[in-house]
């Protein structure tokens, strides 16, 4: 009788002492999927340096005669004069570097991952390798969302500037168009005045004439042309107002 798929055991991670399930189509678990394996045959330790684990030479050995300990800060181990950037583990008989509380990682000195429920050691930024990778992906996603929203804001700003530029060009053209032969209309400056149109004047010339006969009360209240929606033709202007 065939075993149901749900009861099939998934292979465990290939690394030594790791009991986590391997990922589909991989021989490594989620925690160790980016870690390299020692190049020595039948060795399932994690690479430390030069494609080798600590046991097979990933760390330099002490050069003292007969000493097989790892060298620290030079050619010697801690017992033979090697300089340690941090003091050795205070656990009796251990010569590894201490990390926190005077203990090495093996004896409980390593920092744990800050994520709730995670028992792995922190590798950087207070997070283990897995949660650090997840954090980087979240930051990248937020950055993409921010760039997308910024792009929309820039497009809206450019559209407003284009509309303002088109309006300015339209007003400048309108200032130099000719009046239609209409007898009179109203112009506003602290009241209203009847003014006769002259069909051979441009709007700019008429404004100069208006300033000559109807000067503003102060230098800060000049006459300004404010074209309104034309009711007769695109060249007509219905009013001059104080702006």
Foldseek 3Di string as FASTA:
>chain_A
DDDDPVPDDAAFAQAPPGGHGPDPPDNHHLQCPPFAAAPDPPHRHTQQAPSHRVVVPSAAAAPPPPGGHGAACDRHAPVPDGDHPAAAAPDPPGRHHAAAPSHNVVVPRFQAAPDPPGGHGPDPPSHGPNVVVVVVVVVVVVVVVVVVVVVVVVVVVVVVVVVVVVVVVLVVVLQFFFEDQDQWAWEDDPHIDTDGGDRVDGNVRVLVVCCVVPPHPDPVWGKDADADDDDPDSNHRHYIYTD
